[in-house]
C-alpha atoms as a PDB file:
ATOM      1  CA  MET A   1       3.595  49.214  66.906  1.00  0.00           C
ATOM      2  CA  GLY A   2       3.279  45.467  67.207  1.00  0.00           C
ATOM      3  CA  SER A   3       0.760  45.823  70.001  1.00  0.00           C
ATOM      4  CA  PHE A   4      -1.248  48.307  67.905  1.00  0.00           C
ATOM      5  CA  PHE A   5      -1.555  45.942  64.916  1.00  0.00           C
ATOM      6  CA  SER A   6      -2.354  42.997  67.177  1.00  0.00           C
ATOM      7  CA  LYS A   7      -5.102  45.048  68.801  1.00  0.00           C
ATOM      8  CA  GLU A   8      -6.589  45.894  65.387  1.00  0.00           C
ATOM      9  CA  LYS A   9      -6.514  42.225  64.399  1.00  0.00           C
ATOM     10  CA  THR A  10      -8.286  41.141  67.584  1.00  0.00           C
ATOM     11  CA  ASP A  11     -10.919  43.885  67.147  1.00  0.00           C
ATOM     12  CA  SER A  12     -11.644  42.839  63.564  1.00  0.00           C
ATOM     13  CA  LYS A  13     -11.877  39.172  64.595  1.00  0.00           C
ATOM     14  CA  ASP A  14     -14.219  40.043  67.473  1.00  0.00           C
ATOM     15  CA  TYR A  15     -16.506  42.032  65.173  1.00  0.00           C
ATOM     16  CA  GLU A  16     -16.475  39.256  62.612  1.00  0.00           C
ATOM     17  CA  LYS A  17     -17.461  36.735  65.283  1.00  0.00           C
ATOM     18  CA  ILE A  18     -20.231  38.967  66.664  1.00  0.00           C
ATOM     19  CA  LEU A  19     -21.670  39.682  63.209  1.00  0.00           C
ATOM     20  CA  SER A  20     -21.585  36.024  62.196  1.00  0.00           C
ATOM     21  CA  GLU A  21     -23.394  35.055  65.420  1.00  0.00           C
ATOM     22  CA  LEU A  22     -26.035  37.721  64.808  1.00  0.00           C
ATOM     23  CA  ASP A  23     -26.459  36.505  61.241  1.00  0.00           C
ATOM     24  CA  ASN A  24     -27.015  32.931  62.447  1.00  0.00           C
ATOM     25  CA  LYS A  25     -29.542  34.120  65.037  1.00  0.00           C
ATOM     26  CA  ILE A  26     -31.445  36.068  62.360  1.00  0.00           C
ATOM     27  CA  GLN A  27     -31.561  32.994  60.113  1.00  0.00           C
ATOM     28  CA  LYS A  28     -32.888  30.844  62.952  1.00  0.00           C
ATOM     29  CA  ALA A  29     -35.501  33.469  63.891  1.00  0.00           C
ATOM     30  CA  GLU A  30     -36.726  33.684  60.282  1.00  0.00           C
ATOM     31  CA  SER A  31     -36.974  29.903  60.023  1.00  0.00           C
ATOM     32  CA  ARG A  32     -38.898  29.762  63.341  1.00  0.00           C
ATOM     33  CA  LEU A  33     -41.270  32.458  62.084  1.00  0.00           C
ATOM     34  CA  SER A  34     -42.032  30.514  58.906  1.00  0.00           C
ATOM     35  CA  GLU A  35     -42.532  27.323  60.956  1.00  0.00           C
ATOM     36  CA  ILE A  36     -45.020  29.109  63.240  1.00  0.00           C
ATOM     37  CA  LYS A  37     -47.097  30.184  60.229  1.00  0.00           C
ATOM     38  CA  ILE A  38     -47.092  26.675  58.768  1.00  0.00           C
ATOM     39  CA  ARG A  39     -47.948  25.137  62.138  1.00  0.00           C
ATOM     40  CA  GLN A  40     -50.867  27.535  62.575  1.00  0.00           C
ATOM     41  CA  ARG A  41     -52.380  26.485  59.249  1.00  0.00           C
ATOM     42  CA  ARG A  42     -51.890  22.787  59.930  1.00  0.00           C
ATOM     43  CA  THR A  43     -53.288  22.795  63.463  1.00  0.00           C
ATOM     44  CA  SER A  44     -56.371  24.793  62.481  1.00  0.00           C
ATOM     45  CA  PHE A  45     -56.944  22.460  59.531  1.00  0.00           C
ATOM     46  CA  MET A  46     -56.538  19.275  61.569  1.00  0.00           C
ATOM     47  CA  TRP A  47     -58.750  20.624  64.362  1.00  0.00           C
ATOM     48  CA  ILE A  48     -61.577  21.410  61.943  1.00  0.00           C
ATOM     49  CA  ILE A  49     -61.321  18.015  60.207  1.00  0.00           C
ATOM     50  CA  TYR A  50     -61.276  15.893  63.389  1.00  0.00           C
ATOM     51  CA  SER A  51     -63.982  17.918  65.134  1.00  0.00           C
ATOM     52  CA  LEU A  52     -66.244  17.696  62.068  1.00  0.00           C
ATOM     53  CA  ILE A  53     -65.794  13.918  61.987  1.00  0.00           C
ATOM     54  CA  ILE A  54     -66.804  13.696  65.672  1.00  0.00           C
ATOM     55  CA  TRP A  55     -69.808  15.967  65.050  1.00  0.00           C
ATOM     56  CA  VAL A  56     -70.964  13.763  62.142  1.00  0.00           C
ATOM     57  CA  PHE A  57     -70.785  10.658  64.371  1.00  0.00           C
ATOM     58  CA  CYS A  58     -72.837  12.431  67.049  1.00  0.00           C
ATOM     59  CA  LEU A  59     -75.399  13.458  64.441  1.00  0.00           C
ATOM     60  CA  VAL A  60     -75.712   9.901  63.106  1.00  0.00           C
ATOM     61  CA  TYR A  61     -76.138   8.587  66.644  1.00  0.00           C
ATOM     62  CA  LEU A  62     -78.884  11.166  67.309  1.00  0.00           C
ATOM     63  CA  PHE A  63     -80.799  10.112  64.181  1.00  0.00           C
ATOM     64  CA  ARG A  64     -80.646   6.489  65.242  1.00  0.00           C
ATOM     65  CA  ARG A  65     -82.040   7.357  68.677  1.00  0.00           C
ATOM     66  CA  VAL A  66     -84.797   9.475  67.135  1.00  0.00           C
ATOM     67  CA  ASN A  67     -85.904   6.621  64.865  1.00  0.00           C
ATOM     68  CA  ASP A  68     -86.262   4.324  67.867  1.00  0.00           C
ATOM     69  CA  PRO A  69     -89.956   4.556  68.958  1.00  0.00           C
ATOM     70  CA  PHE A  70     -89.357   3.170  72.466  1.00  0.00           C
ATOM     71  CA  ASN A  71     -87.108   6.046  73.613  1.00  0.00           C
ATOM     72  CA  SER A  72     -88.352   8.842  75.844  1.00  0.00           C
ATOM     73  CA  ALA A  73     -87.671  12.613  75.668  1.00  0.00           C
ATOM     74  CA  GLU A  74     -84.714  12.312  78.046  1.00  0.00           C
ATOM     75  CA  ASP A  75     -83.093   9.781  75.716  1.00  0.00           C
ATOM     76  CA  TYR A  76     -83.283  12.353  72.891  1.00  0.00           C
ATOM     77  CA  LEU A  77     -81.929  15.210  75.027  1.00  0.00           C
ATOM     78  CA  ILE A  78     -78.576  13.663  75.978  1.00  0.00           C
ATOM     79  CA  PRO A  79     -77.339  12.812  72.420  1.00  0.00           C
ATOM     80  CA  SER A  80     -78.638  16.146  71.045  1.00  0.00           C
ATOM     81  CA  LEU A  81     -76.394  18.198  73.380  1.00  0.00           C
ATOM     82  CA  PRO A  82     -73.087  17.441  71.558  1.00  0.00           C
ATOM     83  CA  VAL A  83     -74.779  18.066  68.200  1.00  0.00           C
ATOM     84  CA  VAL A  84     -75.781  21.572  69.346  1.00  0.00           C
ATOM     85  CA  LEU A  85     -72.766  22.525  71.468  1.00  0.00           C
ATOM     86  CA  LEU A  86     -69.962  21.020  69.378  1.00  0.00           C
ATOM     87  CA  PRO A  87     -70.106  23.656  66.537  1.00  0.00           C
ATOM     88  CA  LEU A  88     -69.720  26.431  69.132  1.00  0.00           C
ATOM     89  CA  GLY A  89     -66.781  24.604  70.692  1.00  0.00           C
ATOM     90  CA  ILE A  90     -65.174  24.130  67.270  1.00  0.00           C
ATOM     91  CA  TYR A  91     -65.467  27.841  66.498  1.00  0.00           C
ATOM     92  CA  TYR A  92     -64.152  29.190  69.812  1.00  0.00           C
ATOM     93  CA  ILE A  93     -61.306  26.680  70.103  1.00  0.00           C
ATOM     94  CA  ARG A  94     -60.216  27.593  66.579  1.00  0.00           C
ATOM     95  CA  ARG A  95     -60.245  31.272  67.582  1.00  0.00           C
ATOM     96  CA  GLY A  96     -58.112  30.403  70.606  1.00  0.00           C
ATOM     97  CA  LEU A  97     -55.592  28.555  68.433  1.00  0.00           C
ATOM     98  CA  ILE A  98     -55.340  31.529  66.071  1.00  0.00           C
ATOM     99  CA  TYR A  99     -54.808  33.891  69.020  1.00  0.00           C
ATOM    100  CA  PHE A 100     -52.111  31.615  70.494  1.00  0.00           C
ATOM    101  CA  TYR A 101     -50.133  31.398  67.263  1.00  0.00           C
ATOM    102  CA  ASP A 102     -50.560  35.117  66.578  1.00  0.00           C
ATOM    103  CA  MET A 103     -48.986  35.892  69.945  1.00  0.00           C
ATOM    104  CA  LYS A 104     -46.067  33.562  69.189  1.00  0.00           C
ATOM    105  CA  GLN A 105     -45.661  35.144  65.766  1.00  0.00           C
ATOM    106  CA  LYS A 106     -45.616  38.694  67.184  1.00  0.00           C
ATOM    107  CA  LYS A 107     -43.064  37.674  69.803  1.00  0.00           C
ATOM    108  CA  GLU A 108     -40.799  36.135  67.161  1.00  0.00           C
ATOM    109  CA  GLU A 109     -41.154  39.181  64.905  1.00  0.00           C
ATOM    110  CA  ALA A 110     -40.174  41.472  67.790  1.00  0.00           C
ATOM    111  CA  ASN A 111     -37.125  39.296  68.482  1.00  0.00           C
ATOM    112  CA  LEU A 112     -36.202  39.400  64.786  1.00  0.00           C
ATOM    113  CA  SER A 113     -36.466  43.199  64.623  1.00  0.00           C
ATOM    114  CA  VAL A 114     -34.239  43.515  67.718  1.00  0.00           C
ATOM    115  CA  LEU A 115     -31.607  41.251  66.143  1.00  0.00           C
ATOM    116  CA  ARG A 116     -31.650  43.191  62.876  1.00  0.00           C
ATOM    117  CA  LYS A 117     -31.345  46.481  64.731  1.00  0.00           C
ATOM    118  CA  GLU A 118     -28.407  45.142  66.741  1.00  0.00           C
ATOM    119  CA  GLN A 119     -26.768  43.891  63.553  1.00  0.00           C
ATOM    120  CA  LYS A 120     -27.138  47.299  61.914  1.00  0.00           C
ATOM    121  CA  GLU A 121     -25.685  49.060  64.970  1.00  0.00           C
ATOM    122  CA  LYS A 122     -22.690  46.723  65.034  1.00  0.00           C
ATOM    123  CA  ILE A 123     -22.000  47.346  61.345  1.00  0.00           C
ATOM    124  CA  GLU A 124     -22.171  51.120  61.878  1.00  0.00           C
ATOM    125  CA  GLU A 125     -19.918  50.829  64.916  1.00  0.00           C
ATOM    126  CA  LEU A 126     -17.399  48.821  62.891  1.00  0.00           C
ATOM    127  CA  LYS A 127     -17.461  51.414  60.104  1.00  0.00           C
ATOM    128  CA  LYS A 128     -16.852  54.267  62.550  1.00  0.00           C
ATOM    129  CA  LYS A 129     -14.049  52.462  64.379  1.00  0.00           C
ATOM    130  CA  THR A 130     -12.258  51.569  61.161  1.00  0.00           C
ATOM    131  CA  SER A 131     -12.772  55.098  59.706  1.00  0.00           C
ATOM    132  CA  TYR A 132     -14.690  53.578  56.809  1.00  0.00           C
ATOM    133  CA  TYR A 133     -16.524  56.776  55.806  1.00  0.00           C
ATOM    134  CA  THR A 134     -13.425  58.989  56.010  1.00  0.00           C
ATOM    135  CA  THR A 135     -11.361  56.673  53.807  1.00  0.00           C
ATOM    136  CA  GLN A 136     -14.265  56.421  51.378  1.00  0.00           C
ATOM    137  CA  SER A 137     -14.577  60.223  51.095  1.00  0.00           C
ATOM    138  CA  LEU A 138     -10.794  60.600  50.661  1.00  0.00           C
ATOM    139  CA  ILE A 139     -10.742  58.001  47.898  1.00  0.00           C
ATOM    140  CA  GLU A 140     -13.641  59.675  46.084  1.00  0.00           C
ATOM    141  CA  ARG A 141     -11.973  63.078  46.408  1.00  0.00           C
ATOM    142  CA  TYR A 142      -8.337  62.336  45.512  1.00  0.00           C
ATOM    143  CA  ASP A 143      -8.152  59.008  43.700  1.00  0.00           C
ATOM    144  CA  GLU A 144      -8.092  59.577  39.913  1.00  0.00           C
ATOM    145  CA  VAL A 145      -9.147  56.019  39.073  1.00  0.00           C
ATOM    146  CA  SER A 146     -12.291  56.274  41.197  1.00  0.00           C
ATOM    147  CA  LYS A 147     -13.086  59.672  39.646  1.00  0.00           C
ATOM    148  CA  LYS A 148     -12.817  58.246  36.130  1.00  0.00           C
ATOM    149  CA  LYS A 149     -14.991  55.279  37.068  1.00  0.00           C
ATOM    150  CA  LYS A 150     -17.598  57.594  38.577  1.00  0.00           C
ATOM    151  CA  ILE A 151     -17.691  59.784  35.438  1.00  0.00           C
ATOM    152  CA  GLU A 152     -17.988  56.715  33.181  1.00  0.00           C
ATOM    153  CA  ALA A 153     -20.796  55.316  35.336  1.00  0.00           C
ATOM    154  CA  THR A 154     -22.753  58.593  35.122  1.00  0.00           C
ATOM    155  CA  LYS A 155     -22.284  58.697  31.335  1.00  0.00           C
ATOM    156  CA  GLU A 156     -23.464  55.096  30.933  1.00  0.00           C
ATOM    157  CA  SER A 157     -26.501  55.712  33.130  1.00  0.00           C
ATOM    158  CA  GLY A 158     -27.383  58.796  31.070  1.00  0.00           C
ATOM    159  CA  GLN A 159     -27.119  56.830  27.826  1.00  0.00           C
ATOM    160  CA  ASP A 160     -29.289  54.054  29.242  1.00  0.00           C
ATOM    161  CA  LEU A 161     -31.944  56.591  30.230  1.00  0.00           C
ATOM    162  CA  ARG A 162     -31.918  58.107  26.735  1.00  0.00           C
ATOM    163  CA  GLN A 163     -32.174  54.750  24.987  1.00  0.00           C
ATOM    164  CA  ARG A 164     -34.776  53.360  27.346  1.00  0.00           C
ATOM    165  CA  LYS A 165     -38.329  53.004  26.026  1.00  0.00           C
ATOM    166  CA  PRO A 166     -41.386  53.727  28.170  1.00  0.00           C
ATOM    167  CA  VAL A 167     -42.703  50.530  29.697  1.00  0.00           C
ATOM    168  CA  SER A 168     -45.242  49.705  32.363  1.00  0.00           C
ATOM    169  CA  MET A 169     -43.871  50.121  35.867  1.00  0.00           C
ATOM    170  CA  PRO A 170     -43.469  46.821  37.725  1.00  0.00           C
ATOM    171  CA  VAL A 171     -44.705  46.303  41.305  1.00  0.00           C
ATOM    172  CA  ASN A 172     -41.814  46.765  43.618  1.00  0.00           C
ATOM    173  CA  ARG A 173     -41.434  43.983  46.117  1.00  0.00           C
ATOM    174  CA  PRO A 174     -40.000  44.627  49.546  1.00  0.00           C
ATOM    175  CA  ILE A 175     -36.273  43.832  49.823  1.00  0.00           C
ATOM    176  CA  PRO A 176     -35.228  41.937  52.958  1.00  0.00           C
ATOM    177  CA  PRO A 177     -32.997  43.965  55.274  1.00  0.00           C
ATOM    178  CA  LEU A 178     -30.090  41.515  54.887  1.00  0.00           C
ATOM    179  CA  GLN A 179     -30.193  41.781  51.107  1.00  0.00           C
ATOM    180  CA  GLN A 180     -30.479  45.585  51.348  1.00  0.00           C
ATOM    181  CA  GLN A 181     -27.335  45.731  53.480  1.00  0.00           C
ATOM    182  CA  GLN A 182     -25.534  43.527  50.960  1.00  0.00           C
ATOM    183  CA  GLN A 183     -26.476  45.868  48.115  1.00  0.00           C
ATOM    184  CA  GLN A 184     -25.283  48.909  50.064  1.00  0.00           C
ATOM    185  CA  GLN A 185     -21.971  47.210  50.838  1.00  0.00           C
ATOM    186  CA  GLN A 186     -21.502  46.157  47.202  1.00  0.00           C
ATOM    187  CA  GLN A 187     -22.286  49.641  45.843  1.00  0.00           C
ATOM    188  CA  GLN A 188     -19.905  51.451  48.222  1.00  0.00           C
ATOM    189  CA  PRO A 189     -16.230  51.592  47.067  1.00  0.00           C
ATOM    190  CA  GLN A 190     -13.616  49.583  48.897  1.00  0.00           C
ATOM    191  CA  PRO A 191     -11.353  51.235  51.518  1.00  0.00           C
ATOM    192  CA  TYR A 192      -7.830  52.467  50.846  1.00  0.00           C
ATOM    193  CA  PRO A 193      -5.134  49.763  50.778  1.00  0.00           C
ATOM    194  CA  ARG A 194      -3.457  51.237  53.882  1.00  0.00           C
ATOM    195  CA  ALA A 195      -6.222  49.768  56.064  1.00  0.00           C
ATOM    196  CA  PRO A 196      -6.392  46.104  54.934  1.00  0.00           C
ATOM    197  CA  ILE A 197      -7.705  44.684  58.211  1.00  0.00           C
ATOM    198  CA  PRO A 198     -11.129  46.462  58.258  1.00  0.00           C
ATOM    199  CA  GLN A 199     -11.562  45.752  54.571  1.00  0.00           C
ATOM    200  CA  GLN A 200     -10.901  42.063  55.148  1.00  0.00           C
ATOM    201  CA  ALA A 201     -13.385  41.954  58.025  1.00  0.00           C
ATOM    202  CA  MET A 202     -16.110  43.632  55.960  1.00  0.00           C
ATOM    203  CA  GLN A 203     -15.464  41.362  52.964  1.00  0.00           C
ATOM    204  CA  ASN A 204     -15.567  38.238  55.123  1.00  0.00           C
ATOM    205  CA  TYR A 205     -18.851  39.294  56.668  1.00  0.00           C
ATOM    206  CA  SER A 206     -20.391  40.200  53.284  1.00  0.00           C
ATOM    207  CA  ASN A 207     -19.296  36.815  51.887  1.00  0.00           C
ATOM    208  CA  GLN A 208     -20.927  35.074  54.844  1.00  0.00           C
ATOM    209  CA  GLN A 209     -24.123  37.017  54.230  1.00  0.00           C
ATOM    210  CA  ARG A 210     -24.020  36.178  50.520  1.00  0.00           C
ATOM    211  CA  LEU A 211     -23.672  32.485  51.301  1.00  0.00           C
ATOM    212  CA  ALA A 212     -26.306  32.573  54.035  1.00  0.00           C
ATOM    213  CA  GLN A 213     -28.984  34.396  52.033  1.00  0.00           C
ATOM    214  CA  PRO A 214     -29.965  31.472  49.708  1.00  0.00           C
ATOM    215  CA  ASN A 215     -30.353  29.223  52.764  1.00  0.00           C
ATOM    216  CA  ILE A 216     -32.920  31.629  54.222  1.00  0.00           C
ATOM    217  CA  SER A 217     -34.909  31.678  51.002  1.00  0.00           C
ATOM    218  CA  GLN A 218     -34.807  27.881  50.778  1.00  0.00           C
ATOM    219  CA  GLN A 219     -35.991  27.506  54.361  1.00  0.00           C
ATOM    220  CA  SER A 220     -38.738  30.108  54.090  1.00  0.00           C
ATOM    221  CA  ARG A 221     -39.973  28.775  50.733  1.00  0.00           C
ATOM    222  CA  VAL A 222     -42.576  26.097  51.415  1.00  0.00           C
ATOM    223  CA  GLU A 223     -44.113  24.094  48.599  1.00  0.00           C
ATOM    224  CA  PRO A 224     -47.935  23.920  48.652  1.00  0.00           C
ATOM    225  CA  ARG A 225     -49.397  20.546  49.520  1.00  0.00           C
ATOM    226  CA  TRP A 226     -52.656  18.806  48.607  1.00  0.00           C
ATOM    227  CA  TYR A 227     -54.600  20.097  51.600  1.00  0.00           C
ATOM    228  CA  ASP A 228     -53.634  23.787  51.231  1.00  0.00           C
ATOM    229  CA  LYS A 229     -56.632  24.532  49.006  1.00  0.00           C
ATOM    230  CA  LEU A 230     -58.945  22.780  51.461  1.00  0.00           C
ATOM    231  CA  VAL A 231     -57.425  24.810  54.298  1.00  0.00           C
ATOM    232  CA  ASP A 232     -58.049  28.040  52.393  1.00  0.00           C
ATOM    233  CA  ALA A 233     -61.651  27.023  51.739  1.00  0.00           C
ATOM    234  CA  LEU A 234     -62.382  26.032  55.355  1.00  0.00           C
ATOM    235  CA  VAL A 235     -60.252  28.456  57.331  1.00  0.00           C
ATOM    236  CA  GLY A 236     -60.743  31.369  54.949  1.00  0.00           C
ATOM    237  CA  ASP A 237     -57.115  32.457  54.637  1.00  0.00           C
ATOM    238  CA  ALA A 238     -57.498  35.751  52.744  1.00  0.00           C
ATOM    239  CA  GLY A 239     -54.441  37.619  53.950  1.00  0.00           C
ATOM    240  CA  PRO A 240     -52.336  40.044  51.926  1.00  0.00           C
ATOM    241  CA  GLU A 241     -50.011  37.207  50.847  1.00  0.00           C
ATOM    242  CA  THR A 242     -52.804  35.596  48.786  1.00  0.00           C
ATOM    243  CA  LYS A 243     -54.074  38.804  47.137  1.00  0.00           C
ATOM    244  CA  TYR A 244     -53.049  40.734  44.046  1.00  0.00           C
ATOM    245  CA  ALA A 245     -52.314  44.464  43.870  1.00  0.00           C
ATOM    246  CA  LEU A 246     -54.317  46.746  41.568  1.00  0.00           C
ATOM    247  CA  ILE A 247     -51.979  49.190  39.809  1.00  0.00           C
ATOM    248  CA  CYS A 248     -53.464  51.976  37.672  1.00  0.00           C
ATOM    249  CA  ASN A 249     -52.429  51.761  34.014  1.00  0.00           C
ATOM    250  CA  HIS A 250     -52.329  55.575  33.698  1.00  0.00           C
ATOM    251  CA  CYS A 251     -50.692  56.973  36.874  1.00  0.00           C
ATOM    252  CA  PHE A 252     -49.306  53.670  38.314  1.00  0.00           C
ATOM    253  CA  ALA A 253     -50.936  54.327  41.704  1.00  0.00           C
ATOM    254  CA  HIS A 254     -51.773  51.489  44.119  1.00  0.00           C
ATOM    255  CA  ASN A 255     -55.539  50.893  44.314  1.00  0.00           C
ATOM    256  CA  GLY A 256     -55.760  48.167  46.948  1.00  0.00           C
ATOM    257  CA  LEU A 257     -55.702  44.355  46.948  1.00  0.00           C
ATOM    258  CA  VAL A 258     -58.119  41.840  45.402  1.00  0.00           C
ATOM    259  CA  LEU A 259     -58.495  38.078  45.443  1.00  0.00           C
ATOM    260  CA  GLN A 260     -57.082  35.914  42.690  1.00  0.00           C
ATOM    261  CA  GLU A 261     -60.576  35.089  41.390  1.00  0.00           C
ATOM    262  CA  GLU A 262     -61.458  38.788  41.000  1.00  0.00           C
ATOM    263  CA  TYR A 263     -58.147  39.917  39.496  1.00  0.00           C
ATOM    264  CA  ASP A 264     -59.049  39.140  35.854  1.00  0.00           C
ATOM    265  CA  THR A 265     -62.639  40.446  35.980  1.00  0.00           C
ATOM    266  CA  ILE A 266     -62.475  43.568  38.169  1.00  0.00           C
ATOM    267  CA  GLN A 267     -62.715  47.003  36.549  1.00  0.00           C
ATOM    268  CA  TYR A 268     -62.474  50.280  38.442  1.00  0.00           C
ATOM    269  CA  VAL A 269     -61.897  54.043  38.270  1.00  0.00           C
ATOM    270  CA  CYS A 270     -58.611  55.207  39.787  1.00  0.00           C
ATOM    271  CA  PRO A 271     -59.273  57.675  42.662  1.00  0.00           C
ATOM    272  CA  VAL A 272     -55.977  59.463  41.961  1.00  0.00           C
ATOM    273  CA  CYS A 273     -56.148  60.234  38.226  1.00  0.00           C
ATOM    274  CA  LYS A 274     -59.921  59.543  37.748  1.00  0.00           C
ATOM    275  CA  GLN A 275     -59.201  57.268  34.753  1.00  0.00           C
ATOM    276  CA  PHE A 276     -61.118  54.080  33.950  1.00  0.00           C
ATOM    277  CA  ASN A 277     -59.181  50.793  34.131  1.00  0.00           C
ATOM    278  CA  PRO A 278     -60.912  47.939  32.258  1.00  0.00           C
ATOM    279  CA  SER A 279     -60.650  44.320  33.300  1.00  0.00           C
ATOM    280  CA  ARG A 280     -57.879  42.108  32.002  1.00  0.00           C
ATOM    281  CA  LYS A 281     -60.319  39.838  30.153  1.00  0.00           C
ATOM    282  CA  SER A 282     -61.744  42.779  28.187  1.00  0.00           C
ATOM    283  CA  LYS A 283     -58.279  43.630  26.841  1.00  0.00           C
ATOM    284  CA  GLN A 284     -58.359  41.416  23.754  1.00  0.00           C
ATOM    285  CA  VAL A 285     -55.262  41.138  21.660  1.00  0.00           C
ATOM    286  CA  ILE A 286     -55.785  42.239  18.030  1.00  0.00           C
ATOM    287  CA  PRO A 287     -54.803  39.410  15.658  1.00  0.00           C
ATOM    288  CA  LYS A 288     -52.031  39.982  13.145  1.00  0.00           C
ATOM    289  CA  SER A 289     -54.327  39.330  10.169  1.00  0.00           C
ATOM    290  CA  ILE A 290     -56.475  42.378  11.010  1.00  0.00           C
ATOM    291  CA  LEU A 291     -53.385  44.556  11.392  1.00  0.00           C
ATOM    292  CA  GLU A 292     -52.069  43.364   8.021  1.00  0.00           C
ATOM    293  CA  GLU A 293     -55.435  44.124   6.369  1.00  0.00           C
ATOM    294  CA  ASN A 294     -55.412  47.634   7.818  1.00  0.00           C
ATOM    295  CA  ASP A 295     -51.871  48.174   6.560  1.00  0.00           C
ATOM    296  CA  THR A 296     -52.819  47.019   3.054  1.00  0.00           C
ATOM    297  CA  ASP A 297     -55.906  49.285   3.055  1.00  0.00           C
ATOM    298  CA  GLU A 298     -53.791  52.260   4.062  1.00  0.00           C
ATOM    299  CA  LYS A 299     -51.288  51.477   1.328  1.00  0.00           C
ATOM    300  CA  GLU A 300     -54.064  51.136  -1.263  1.00  0.00           C
ATOM    301  CA  HIS A 301     -55.739  54.427  -0.276  1.00  0.00           C
ATOM    302  CA  LYS A 302     -52.470  56.351  -0.089  1.00  0.00           C
ATOM    303  CA  PRO A 303     -52.709  59.395  -2.419  1.00  0.00           C
ATOM    304  CA  SER A 304     -50.245  59.770  -5.238  1.00  0.00           C
ATOM    305  CA  GLU A 305     -47.818  62.659  -5.647  1.00  0.00           C
ATOM    306  CA  LYS A 306     -49.905  64.219  -8.444  1.00  0.00           C
ATOM    307  CA  GLU A 307     -53.001  64.330  -6.254  1.00  0.00           C
ATOM    308  CA  ILE A 308     -51.009  65.975  -3.482  1.00  0.00           C
ATOM    309  CA  GLU A 309     -49.621  68.590  -5.905  1.00  0.00           C
ATOM    310  CA  ASP A 310     -53.143  69.318  -7.238  1.00  0.00           C
ATOM    311  CA  VAL A 311     -54.460  69.867  -3.719  1.00  0.00           C
ATOM    312  CA  ILE A 312     -51.545  72.197  -2.894  1.00  0.00           C
ATOM    313  CA  LYS A 313     -52.136  74.225  -6.082  1.00  0.00           C
ATOM    314  CA  GLN A 314     -55.848  74.538  -5.299  1.00  0.00           C
ATOM    315  CA  LEU A 315     -55.076  75.763  -1.777  1.00  0.00           C
ATOM    316  CA  LYS A 316     -52.602  78.315  -3.137  1.00  0.00           C
ATOM    317  CA  LYS A 317     -55.241  79.626  -5.534  1.00  0.00           C
ATOM    318  CA  GLU A 318     -57.770  79.997  -2.736  1.00  0.00           C
ATOM    319  CA  VAL A 319     -55.227  81.865  -0.596  1.00  0.00           C
ATOM    320  CA  GLU A 320     -54.388  84.231  -3.471  1.00  0.00           C
ATOM    321  CA  GLU A 321     -58.093  84.899  -4.084  1.00  0.00           C
ATOM    322  CA  ASP A 322     -58.584  85.628  -0.393  1.00  0.00           C
ATOM    323  CA  GLU A 323     -55.663  88.059  -0.412  1.00  0.00           C
ATOM    324  CA  LYS A 324     -57.128  89.858  -3.413  1.00  0.00           C
ATOM    325  CA  LYS A 325     -60.436  90.227  -1.581  1.00  0.00           C
ATOM    326  CA  GLY A 326     -58.623  91.730   1.425  1.00  0.00           C
ATOM    327  CA  LEU A 327     -58.905  88.750   3.761  1.00  0.00           C
ATOM    328  CA  ASP A 328     -55.596  88.870   5.615  1.00  0.00           C
ATOM    329  CA  THR A 329     -56.250  86.750   8.707  1.00  0.00           C
ATOM    330  CA  ILE A 330     -57.154  83.073   8.889  1.00  0.00           C
ATOM    331  CA  ALA A 331     -60.314  83.801  10.878  1.00  0.00           C
ATOM    332  CA  SER A 332     -61.605  86.214   8.250  1.00  0.00           C
ATOM    333  CA  ARG A 333     -60.961  83.642   5.527  1.00  0.00           C
ATOM    334  CA  VAL A 334     -62.851  80.971   7.460  1.00  0.00           C
ATOM    335  CA  ARG A 335     -65.824  83.326   8.025  1.00  0.00           C
ATOM    336  CA  HIS A 336     -65.853  84.256   4.339  1.00  0.00           C
ATOM    337  CA  ARG A 337     -65.856  80.637   3.229  1.00  0.00           C
ATOM    338  CA  ARG A 338     -68.629  79.752   5.686  1.00  0.00           C
ATOM    339  CA  SER A 339     -70.771  82.616   4.432  1.00  0.00           C
ATOM    340  CA  ALA A 340     -70.095  81.574   0.825  1.00  0.00           C
ATOM    341  CA  ASN A 341     -71.068  77.990   1.577  1.00  0.00           C
ATOM    342  CA  SER A 342     -74.246  79.082   3.365  1.00  0.00           C
ATOM    343  CA  ASP A 343     -75.210  81.300   0.373  1.00  0.00           C
ATOM    344  CA  ALA A 344     -74.643  78.385  -1.972  1.00  0.00           C
ATOM    345  CA  ASP A 345     -76.869  76.151   0.168  1.00  0.00           C
ATOM    346  CA  VAL A 346     -79.636  78.773   0.147  1.00  0.00           C
ATOM    347  CA  THR A 347     -79.545  79.086  -3.673  1.00  0.00           C
ATOM    348  CA  ASP A 348     -79.680  75.307  -4.027  1.00  0.00           C
ATOM    349  CA  ASN A 349     -82.745  75.131  -1.785  1.00  0.00           C
ATOM    350  CA  GLU A 350     -84.474  77.898  -3.769  1.00  0.00           C
ATOM    351  CA  ASP A 351     -83.774  76.131  -7.065  1.00  0.00           C
ATOM    352  CA  LYS A 352     -85.288  72.963  -5.657  1.00  0.00           C
END
């Protein structure tokens, strides 16, 4: 028995060590990926700036040689070569830098996906070895406390859905895989007290993830600097990170991405529901004074109870007259009234 418990303790410690190492590797890979993106922007920016400065110096030197009347055609040819060839070199070297950093980024993303897959497999292996799913199903089936909690949770969710008002659907952002695993572990009930070692291992690992997650966000979050706008203008960084999503106001379907400058002025027809979506600038907010004036006008023009009773009596009389004339259906009454109105119009025209 002692050997059995010691074996379980060593297994849980080994899994905890492996999962913590994988978590650290994932954090480092994510930080390297963000550094590669920042380095790509900076190198392309610095290359364009320095090469443009050199090109301007070559251009100034060429103008000085052209203004000199004692120079021959060969003297003009040599300084004009860098002025012509340097823009091509700037363009192709910039393309090479982008290709180099894209390859590094793809390699790091592949490494990150492998680490996340390995982490997920280790967690599943730990759950199967510690009979996590079987204990969870037994607790849900036979534990009265968990049953009561489940029933109360369903009742509360039903009440929230009834009391909830319709609002515009927000754009769902992608959840990182680490955070998704944390949510799944928090939502699943804890194992039965007879197996404290697996529970302790899972709790320790989830606590490590919870503490490590803010560090990832702090590392990946980079504050914009003064030259970021100049980089966007020169390099033309128009990726999906800098664009805004168009969501239909009627069916909430995704209609593509637009630039920040076009987001307030663009108007379109949704291809899914065929409804027109006006621009954000055209949606003017109605001032409160106009709403108050409309409310006062409605209150002033509200009919009194006597007027309502008079109208009801008049309608009753018309219905009784129609019944006396043998007009049983609503359609026959409408036709009769239309014919009566047309006859009255004809007599009025004849009198005139």
